Amino acid sequence: MSVYSDLLTKYPNPSSLAYARIGDVEELVKPIGLHRVRARQLLELAKALIEKYDGQVPCSRSDLTKLPGIGDYAASVVLLRVCKQPEPLLDTNTARVYERLFNYRLTKHNPYRDKGLMSMREKLIPRDPEEAYEFNLGVMDLGFRICRSKLRCVECPLRSKCKYYSVSARNYIC
């Protein structure tokens, strides 16, 4: 069973988590590392959800990112999976795929702050939340397995559409 499943089984709502013993939460999240920090953040998050939102998860990016431990990526995951909003998930791997596929250079270090990349992603993301989830997983997997810093272009199913490949293939980089 995964850490996420175990956590939800033992603490199915913010109220049950907010008053949990920190040692118990640390033990549950130990397999994912930084267990002391993560346990403390989870308890803080649960208490903030109770105090600010009556134990409910808000479905707006601005509200989510004001919560302790919630950054842009986590907010996108919550919006996509909990709130059922078709939301792009951006990490290093997906940003690299979009940069190469569309010959785009990030203008900001944080992909969530790059307006061009966000605009591009919003046009590509399927409107159906489940399709959007599968799409995001596919792009993440492509970036993790094939579109890496050590190029594996010849294995890429998108190479015929990829701007980077069309240039680099001529130069025998891939």
C-alpha atoms as a PDB file:
ATOM      1  CA  MET A   1       0.000   0.000   0.000  1.00  0.00           C
ATOM      2  CA  SER A   2       1.300   3.488  -0.766  1.00  0.00           C
ATOM      3  CA  VAL A   3       2.089   6.218   1.746  1.00  0.00           C
ATOM      4  CA  TYR A   4      -0.775   8.281   0.343  1.00  0.00           C
ATOM      5  CA  SER A   5      -3.285   5.443   0.753  1.00  0.00           C
ATOM      6  CA  ASP A   6      -2.035   4.636   4.253  1.00  0.00           C
ATOM      7  CA  LEU A   7      -2.284   8.280   5.269  1.00  0.00           C
ATOM      8  CA  LEU A   8      -5.842   8.613   3.945  1.00  0.00           C
ATOM      9  CA  THR A   9      -6.905   5.373   5.573  1.00  0.00           C
ATOM     10  CA  LYS A  10      -5.660   6.437   8.986  1.00  0.00           C
ATOM     11  CA  TYR A  11      -6.578  10.138   8.617  1.00  0.00           C
ATOM     12  CA  PRO A  12      -9.480  10.423   6.151  1.00  0.00           C
ATOM     13  CA  ASN A  13     -10.099  14.139   6.767  1.00  0.00           C
ATOM     14  CA  PRO A  14      -8.287  17.230   8.062  1.00  0.00           C
ATOM     15  CA  SER A  15      -9.956  16.960  11.478  1.00  0.00           C
ATOM     16  CA  SER A  16      -8.580  13.504  12.125  1.00  0.00           C
ATOM     17  CA  LEU A  17      -5.107  14.547  10.981  1.00  0.00           C
ATOM     18  CA  ALA A  18      -4.939  17.923  12.735  1.00  0.00           C
ATOM     19  CA  TYR A  19      -4.878  16.370  16.181  1.00  0.00           C
ATOM     20  CA  ALA A  20      -2.822  13.277  15.381  1.00  0.00           C
ATOM     21  CA  ARG A  21       0.355  12.534  17.274  1.00  0.00           C
ATOM     22  CA  ILE A  22       3.300  13.810  15.281  1.00  0.00           C
ATOM     23  CA  GLY A  23       5.205  10.558  15.841  1.00  0.00           C
ATOM     24  CA  ASP A  24       2.398   8.554  14.243  1.00  0.00           C
ATOM     25  CA  VAL A  25       2.368  10.814  11.171  1.00  0.00           C
ATOM     26  CA  GLU A  26       6.174  10.713  10.940  1.00  0.00           C
ATOM     27  CA  GLU A  27       6.067   6.920  10.901  1.00  0.00           C
ATOM     28  CA  LEU A  28       3.535   6.908   8.043  1.00  0.00           C
ATOM     29  CA  VAL A  29       5.481   9.341   5.844  1.00  0.00           C
ATOM     30  CA  LYS A  30       8.948   7.957   6.634  1.00  0.00           C
ATOM     31  CA  PRO A  31       9.210   5.995   3.330  1.00  0.00           C
ATOM     32  CA  ILE A  32       9.111   9.220   1.266  1.00  0.00           C
ATOM     33  CA  GLY A  33      11.899  10.931   3.195  1.00  0.00           C
ATOM     34  CA  LEU A  34      12.111  14.115   5.261  1.00  0.00           C
ATOM     35  CA  HIS A  35       9.528  12.537   7.539  1.00  0.00           C
ATOM     36  CA  ARG A  36       9.864  15.060  10.377  1.00  0.00           C
ATOM     37  CA  VAL A  37       9.424  18.047   8.092  1.00  0.00           C
ATOM     38  CA  ARG A  38       6.604  16.463   6.086  1.00  0.00           C
ATOM     39  CA  ALA A  39       4.727  15.330   9.198  1.00  0.00           C
ATOM     40  CA  ARG A  40       4.900  18.813  10.704  1.00  0.00           C
ATOM     41  CA  GLN A  41       3.746  20.362   7.404  1.00  0.00           C
ATOM     42  CA  LEU A  42       0.837  17.935   7.134  1.00  0.00           C
ATOM     43  CA  LEU A  43      -0.340  18.787  10.647  1.00  0.00           C
ATOM     44  CA  GLU A  44      -0.025  22.522   9.928  1.00  0.00           C
ATOM     45  CA  LEU A  45      -1.941  22.070   6.684  1.00  0.00           C
ATOM     46  CA  ALA A  46      -4.731  20.115   8.364  1.00  0.00           C
ATOM     47  CA  LYS A  47      -5.087  22.783  11.073  1.00  0.00           C
ATOM     48  CA  ALA A  48      -5.142  25.579   8.478  1.00  0.00           C
ATOM     49  CA  LEU A  49      -7.856  23.781   6.499  1.00  0.00           C
ATOM     50  CA  ILE A  50      -9.964  23.514   9.652  1.00  0.00           C
ATOM     51  CA  GLU A  51      -9.388  27.113  10.752  1.00  0.00           C
ATOM     52  CA  LYS A  52      -9.766  28.805   7.360  1.00  0.00           C
ATOM     53  CA  TYR A  53     -12.025  26.495   5.348  1.00  0.00           C
ATOM     54  CA  ASP A  54     -14.038  24.444   7.873  1.00  0.00           C
ATOM     55  CA  GLY A  55     -12.015  21.361   6.952  1.00  0.00           C
ATOM     56  CA  GLN A  56     -12.806  21.629   3.241  1.00  0.00           C
ATOM     57  CA  VAL A  57     -10.216  21.842   0.469  1.00  0.00           C
ATOM     58  CA  PRO A  58     -10.461  25.166  -1.390  1.00  0.00           C
ATOM     59  CA  CYS A  59     -10.617  24.950  -5.171  1.00  0.00           C
ATOM     60  CA  SER A  60      -8.827  28.143  -6.107  1.00  0.00           C
ATOM     61  CA  ARG A  61      -5.111  28.394  -6.811  1.00  0.00           C
ATOM     62  CA  SER A  62      -4.724  31.571  -4.764  1.00  0.00           C
ATOM     63  CA  ASP A  63      -6.389  30.006  -1.702  1.00  0.00           C
ATOM     64  CA  LEU A  64      -4.412  26.791  -2.052  1.00  0.00           C
ATOM     65  CA  THR A  65      -1.018  28.479  -2.363  1.00  0.00           C
ATOM     66  CA  LYS A  66      -1.686  30.441   0.835  1.00  0.00           C
ATOM     67  CA  LEU A  67      -1.863  27.167   2.774  1.00  0.00           C
ATOM     68  CA  PRO A  68       1.296  25.902   4.517  1.00  0.00           C
ATOM     69  CA  GLY A  69       3.383  23.569   2.387  1.00  0.00           C
ATOM     70  CA  ILE A  70       1.357  24.115  -0.795  1.00  0.00           C
ATOM     71  CA  GLY A  71       3.280  25.493  -3.768  1.00  0.00           C
ATOM     72  CA  ASP A  72       2.293  25.800  -7.401  1.00  0.00           C
ATOM     73  CA  TYR A  73       2.785  22.138  -8.258  1.00  0.00           C
ATOM     74  CA  ALA A  74       0.843  20.824  -5.252  1.00  0.00           C
ATOM     75  CA  ALA A  75      -1.923  23.343  -5.954  1.00  0.00           C
ATOM     76  CA  SER A  76      -2.152  22.069  -9.537  1.00  0.00           C
ATOM     77  CA  VAL A  77      -2.377  18.462  -8.355  1.00  0.00           C
ATOM     78  CA  VAL A  78      -5.188  19.369  -5.926  1.00  0.00           C
ATOM     79  CA  LEU A  79      -7.053  21.359  -8.578  1.00  0.00           C
ATOM     80  CA  LEU A  80      -6.738  18.487 -11.044  1.00  0.00           C
ATOM     81  CA  ARG A  81      -7.437  15.509  -8.786  1.00  0.00           C
ATOM     82  CA  VAL A  82      -9.612  16.855  -5.959  1.00  0.00           C
ATOM     83  CA  CYS A  83     -11.410  19.765  -7.613  1.00  0.00           C
ATOM     84  CA  LYS A  84     -11.671  18.050 -11.023  1.00  0.00           C
ATOM     85  CA  GLN A  85     -10.334  21.055 -12.924  1.00  0.00           C
ATOM     86  CA  PRO A  86      -8.310  20.392 -16.092  1.00  0.00           C
ATOM     87  CA  GLU A  87      -4.992  21.702 -14.848  1.00  0.00           C
ATOM     88  CA  PRO A  88      -1.487  21.437 -16.309  1.00  0.00           C
ATOM     89  CA  LEU A  89       1.165  19.858 -14.109  1.00  0.00           C
ATOM     90  CA  LEU A  90       4.558  21.425 -14.643  1.00  0.00           C
ATOM     91  CA  ASP A  91       7.822  20.071 -13.344  1.00  0.00           C
ATOM     92  CA  THR A  92      11.354  19.939 -14.703  1.00  0.00           C
ATOM     93  CA  ASN A  93      10.541  16.979 -16.945  1.00  0.00           C
ATOM     94  CA  THR A  94       7.371  18.392 -18.494  1.00  0.00           C
ATOM     95  CA  ALA A  95       8.931  21.830 -18.972  1.00  0.00           C
ATOM     96  CA  ARG A  96      11.838  20.193 -20.838  1.00  0.00           C
ATOM     97  CA  VAL A  97       9.402  18.296 -23.116  1.00  0.00           C
ATOM     98  CA  TYR A  98       7.533  21.499 -24.015  1.00  0.00           C
ATOM     99  CA  GLU A  99      10.725  23.482 -24.492  1.00  0.00           C
ATOM    100  CA  ARG A 100      12.074  20.947 -26.966  1.00  0.00           C
ATOM    101  CA  LEU A 101       8.838  19.997 -28.685  1.00  0.00           C
ATOM    102  CA  PHE A 102       7.890  23.612 -29.438  1.00  0.00           C
ATOM    103  CA  ASN A 103      11.390  25.144 -29.511  1.00  0.00           C
ATOM    104  CA  TYR A 104      10.456  27.360 -26.592  1.00  0.00           C
ATOM    105  CA  ARG A 105      12.838  28.857 -24.043  1.00  0.00           C
ATOM    106  CA  LEU A 106      11.593  29.431 -20.513  1.00  0.00           C
ATOM    107  CA  THR A 107      11.674  33.073 -19.508  1.00  0.00           C
ATOM    108  CA  LYS A 108      11.329  32.272 -15.792  1.00  0.00           C
ATOM    109  CA  HIS A 109      13.070  29.729 -13.578  1.00  0.00           C
ATOM    110  CA  ASN A 110       9.705  28.557 -12.177  1.00  0.00           C
ATOM    111  CA  PRO A 111       7.625  27.137 -15.072  1.00  0.00           C
ATOM    112  CA  TYR A 112       4.415  28.228 -13.304  1.00  0.00           C
ATOM    113  CA  ARG A 113       5.582  31.840 -13.570  1.00  0.00           C
ATOM    114  CA  ASP A 114       6.384  31.578 -17.293  1.00  0.00           C
ATOM    115  CA  LYS A 115       3.340  33.066 -19.040  1.00  0.00           C
ATOM    116  CA  GLY A 116       4.254  31.701 -22.454  1.00  0.00           C
ATOM    117  CA  LEU A 117       4.639  28.155 -21.188  1.00  0.00           C
ATOM    118  CA  MET A 118       1.423  28.377 -19.176  1.00  0.00           C
ATOM    119  CA  SER A 119      -0.467  29.681 -22.196  1.00  0.00           C
ATOM    120  CA  MET A 120       0.900  26.864 -24.345  1.00  0.00           C
ATOM    121  CA  ARG A 121      -0.008  24.238 -21.745  1.00  0.00           C
ATOM    122  CA  GLU A 122      -3.519  25.563 -21.259  1.00  0.00           C
ATOM    123  CA  LYS A 123      -4.138  25.218 -24.994  1.00  0.00           C
ATOM    124  CA  LEU A 124      -2.895  21.624 -24.987  1.00  0.00           C
ATOM    125  CA  ILE A 125      -4.516  20.293 -21.822  1.00  0.00           C
ATOM    126  CA  PRO A 126      -7.701  18.280 -22.431  1.00  0.00           C
ATOM    127  CA  ARG A 127     -10.849  19.835 -20.923  1.00  0.00           C
ATOM    128  CA  ASP A 128     -11.988  16.589 -19.329  1.00  0.00           C
ATOM    129  CA  PRO A 129     -10.252  16.257 -15.915  1.00  0.00           C
ATOM    130  CA  GLU A 130      -9.575  12.523 -16.275  1.00  0.00           C
ATOM    131  CA  GLU A 131      -8.150  12.988 -19.763  1.00  0.00           C
ATOM    132  CA  ALA A 132      -6.122  15.936 -18.438  1.00  0.00           C
ATOM    133  CA  TYR A 133      -4.742  13.696 -15.679  1.00  0.00           C
ATOM    134  CA  GLU A 134      -3.742  10.975 -18.154  1.00  0.00           C
ATOM    135  CA  PHE A 135      -2.262  13.580 -20.502  1.00  0.00           C
ATOM    136  CA  ASN A 136      -0.157  15.046 -17.680  1.00  0.00           C
ATOM    137  CA  LEU A 137       1.070  11.599 -16.640  1.00  0.00           C
ATOM    138  CA  GLY A 138       2.019  10.866 -20.237  1.00  0.00           C
ATOM    139  CA  VAL A 139       4.038  14.063 -20.619  1.00  0.00           C
ATOM    140  CA  MET A 140       5.744  13.501 -17.247  1.00  0.00           C
ATOM    141  CA  ASP A 141       6.592   9.943 -18.223  1.00  0.00           C
ATOM    142  CA  LEU A 142       7.939  11.063 -21.613  1.00  0.00           C
ATOM    143  CA  GLY A 143      10.158  13.631 -19.886  1.00  0.00           C
ATOM    144  CA  PHE A 144      11.330  11.134 -17.277  1.00  0.00           C
ATOM    145  CA  ARG A 145      12.046   8.217 -19.599  1.00  0.00           C
ATOM    146  CA  ILE A 146      12.941   9.644 -23.022  1.00  0.00           C
ATOM    147  CA  CYS A 147      13.205  13.440 -23.232  1.00  0.00           C
ATOM    148  CA  ARG A 148      16.039  13.569 -20.723  1.00  0.00           C
ATOM    149  CA  SER A 149      19.189  15.638 -20.460  1.00  0.00           C
ATOM    150  CA  LYS A 150      20.954  12.676 -22.092  1.00  0.00           C
ATOM    151  CA  LEU A 151      19.019  12.660 -25.333  1.00  0.00           C
ATOM    152  CA  ARG A 152      17.081   9.621 -26.506  1.00  0.00           C
ATOM    153  CA  CYS A 153      15.288  11.294 -29.430  1.00  0.00           C
ATOM    154  CA  VAL A 154      15.298   8.202 -31.636  1.00  0.00           C
ATOM    155  CA  GLU A 155      13.001   6.497 -29.082  1.00  0.00           C
ATOM    156  CA  CYS A 156      10.563   9.417 -28.860  1.00  0.00           C
ATOM    157  CA  PRO A 157       7.080   8.931 -30.320  1.00  0.00           C
ATOM    158  CA  LEU A 158       6.851  12.702 -30.917  1.00  0.00           C
ATOM    159  CA  ARG A 159      10.142  13.117 -32.779  1.00  0.00           C
ATOM    160  CA  SER A 160       8.448  13.763 -36.146  1.00  0.00           C
ATOM    161  CA  LYS A 161       6.669  16.769 -34.595  1.00  0.00           C
ATOM    162  CA  CYS A 162       9.524  17.927 -32.372  1.00  0.00           C
ATOM    163  CA  LYS A 163      11.289  21.179 -33.275  1.00  0.00           C
ATOM    164  CA  TYR A 164      14.370  20.197 -31.268  1.00  0.00           C
ATOM    165  CA  TYR A 165      14.695  16.851 -33.022  1.00  0.00           C
ATOM    166  CA  SER A 166      14.331  18.406 -36.478  1.00  0.00           C
ATOM    167  CA  VAL A 167      17.354  20.622 -35.750  1.00  0.00           C
ATOM    168  CA  SER A 168      19.441  18.250 -33.626  1.00  0.00           C
ATOM    169  CA  ALA A 169      18.934  15.257 -35.932  1.00  0.00           C
ATOM    170  CA  ARG A 170      20.616  17.190 -38.723  1.00  0.00           C
ATOM    171  CA  ASN A 171      23.546  17.798 -36.419  1.00  0.00           C
ATOM    172  CA  TYR A 172      23.600  14.191 -35.140  1.00  0.00           C
ATOM    173  CA  ILE A 173      23.130  15.295 -31.539  1.00  0.00           C
ATOM    174  CA  CYS A 174      20.454  12.727 -30.710  1.00  0.00           C
END
